[in-house]
Amino acid sequence: MKLETIFRVRIVYKNGYTHDFECTDFEISNSQVTWKSANERNRPIKIGLDDIAAVWQVGYRKRIKFFGK
């Protein structure tokens, strides 16, 4: 068992729409976005970088992660 950090990320689109989701890793570099979703029910499938105005980390929490999962 160990503690795992879950980040709450908010994507703000240029049209004003926002969407929050949780992930264990989120990175934007060289016009690419990568993430590891913390919840299989609410996760981005594809993110269009040209439509994004900002990306914020709006919170985080810790959860217990069991080995092998």
C-alpha atoms as a PDB file:
ATOM      1  CA  MET A   1       0.000   0.000   0.000  1.00  0.00           C
ATOM      2  CA  LYS A   2       1.105   3.565  -0.657  1.00  0.00           C
ATOM      3  CA  LEU A   3      -0.420   7.027  -0.974  1.00  0.00           C
ATOM      4  CA  GLU A   4      -1.093   8.298  -4.473  1.00  0.00           C
ATOM      5  CA  THR A   5      -1.734  11.958  -5.369  1.00  0.00           C
ATOM      6  CA  ILE A   6      -4.875  12.687  -7.394  1.00  0.00           C
ATOM      7  CA  PHE A   7      -4.930  16.088  -9.101  1.00  0.00           C
ATOM      8  CA  ARG A   8      -8.126  17.938 -10.056  1.00  0.00           C
ATOM      9  CA  VAL A   9      -7.506  19.658 -13.407  1.00  0.00           C
ATOM     10  CA  ARG A  10      -9.742  22.343 -14.911  1.00  0.00           C
ATOM     11  CA  ILE A  11      -9.622  22.977 -18.647  1.00  0.00           C
ATOM     12  CA  VAL A  12     -10.941  26.400 -19.677  1.00  0.00           C
ATOM     13  CA  TYR A  13     -11.924  26.570 -23.340  1.00  0.00           C
ATOM     14  CA  LYS A  14     -11.881  29.776 -25.404  1.00  0.00           C
ATOM     15  CA  ASN A  15     -15.679  29.712 -25.695  1.00  0.00           C
ATOM     16  CA  GLY A  16     -15.932  29.904 -21.870  1.00  0.00           C
ATOM     17  CA  TYR A  17     -16.822  26.268 -21.221  1.00  0.00           C
ATOM     18  CA  THR A  18     -14.894  24.581 -18.399  1.00  0.00           C
ATOM     19  CA  HIS A  19     -14.437  20.942 -17.532  1.00  0.00           C
ATOM     20  CA  ASP A  20     -12.896  19.406 -14.405  1.00  0.00           C
ATOM     21  CA  PHE A  21     -11.473  15.909 -14.140  1.00  0.00           C
ATOM     22  CA  GLU A  22      -9.119  13.978 -11.875  1.00  0.00           C
ATOM     23  CA  CYS A  23      -5.850  12.434 -12.933  1.00  0.00           C
ATOM     24  CA  THR A  24      -2.653  11.080 -11.446  1.00  0.00           C
ATOM     25  CA  ASP A  25      -0.521  12.788 -14.095  1.00  0.00           C
ATOM     26  CA  PHE A  26      -1.162  15.637 -16.566  1.00  0.00           C
ATOM     27  CA  GLU A  27       1.422  17.183 -18.860  1.00  0.00           C
ATOM     28  CA  ILE A  28       1.417  19.635 -21.767  1.00  0.00           C
ATOM     29  CA  SER A  29       4.589  19.822 -23.836  1.00  0.00           C
ATOM     30  CA  ASN A  30       5.480  20.345 -27.500  1.00  0.00           C
ATOM     31  CA  SER A  31       1.817  20.714 -28.538  1.00  0.00           C
ATOM     32  CA  GLN A  32       0.938  17.374 -26.924  1.00  0.00           C
ATOM     33  CA  VAL A  33      -1.216  16.581 -23.915  1.00  0.00           C
ATOM     34  CA  THR A  34      -0.746  13.405 -21.882  1.00  0.00           C
ATOM     35  CA  TRP A  35      -2.556  12.279 -18.733  1.00  0.00           C
ATOM     36  CA  LYS A  36      -3.379   9.262 -16.602  1.00  0.00           C
ATOM     37  CA  SER A  37      -7.030   9.363 -15.624  1.00  0.00           C
ATOM     38  CA  ALA A  38      -7.906   8.678 -11.979  1.00  0.00           C
ATOM     39  CA  ASN A  39     -11.529   7.876 -12.796  1.00  0.00           C
ATOM     40  CA  GLU A  40     -12.586   5.827 -15.802  1.00  0.00           C
ATOM     41  CA  ARG A  41     -16.087   7.391 -15.765  1.00  0.00           C
ATOM     42  CA  ASN A  42     -14.973  11.010 -16.302  1.00  0.00           C
ATOM     43  CA  ARG A  43     -11.904  11.339 -18.464  1.00  0.00           C
ATOM     44  CA  PRO A  44     -10.910  13.191 -21.606  1.00  0.00           C
ATOM     45  CA  ILE A  45     -10.575  11.141 -24.752  1.00  0.00           C
ATOM     46  CA  LYS A  46      -9.007  13.872 -26.882  1.00  0.00           C
ATOM     47  CA  ILE A  47      -8.135  17.487 -26.092  1.00  0.00           C
ATOM     48  CA  GLY A  48      -7.908  20.090 -28.861  1.00  0.00           C
ATOM     49  CA  LEU A  49      -5.077  22.413 -27.832  1.00  0.00           C
ATOM     50  CA  ASP A  50      -6.170  25.165 -30.249  1.00  0.00           C
ATOM     51  CA  ASP A  51      -9.486  25.519 -28.378  1.00  0.00           C
ATOM     52  CA  ILE A  52      -7.976  25.799 -24.870  1.00  0.00           C
ATOM     53  CA  ALA A  53      -7.519  29.147 -23.147  1.00  0.00           C
ATOM     54  CA  ALA A  54      -6.041  27.833 -19.873  1.00  0.00           C
ATOM     55  CA  VAL A  55      -5.394  24.699 -17.817  1.00  0.00           C
ATOM     56  CA  TRP A  56      -5.497  24.921 -14.029  1.00  0.00           C
ATOM     57  CA  GLN A  57      -4.761  22.545 -11.186  1.00  0.00           C
ATOM     58  CA  VAL A  58      -7.654  23.413  -8.887  1.00  0.00           C
ATOM     59  CA  GLY A  59      -6.987  20.882  -6.165  1.00  0.00           C
ATOM     60  CA  TYR A  60      -5.468  17.601  -5.143  1.00  0.00           C
ATOM     61  CA  ARG A  61      -6.042  14.803  -2.689  1.00  0.00           C
ATOM     62  CA  LYS A  62      -4.335  11.627  -1.542  1.00  0.00           C
ATOM     63  CA  ARG A  63      -5.735   8.122  -1.869  1.00  0.00           C
ATOM     64  CA  ILE A  64      -4.492   4.717  -0.886  1.00  0.00           C
ATOM     65  CA  LYS A  65      -3.129   2.710  -3.794  1.00  0.00           C
ATOM     66  CA  PHE A  66      -2.708  -1.011  -3.372  1.00  0.00           C
ATOM     67  CA  PHE A  67       0.217  -2.737  -5.061  1.00  0.00           C
ATOM     68  CA  GLY A  68      -0.622  -4.496  -8.295  1.00  0.00           C
ATOM     69  CA  LYS A  69      -3.339  -2.025  -9.340  1.00  0.00           C
END
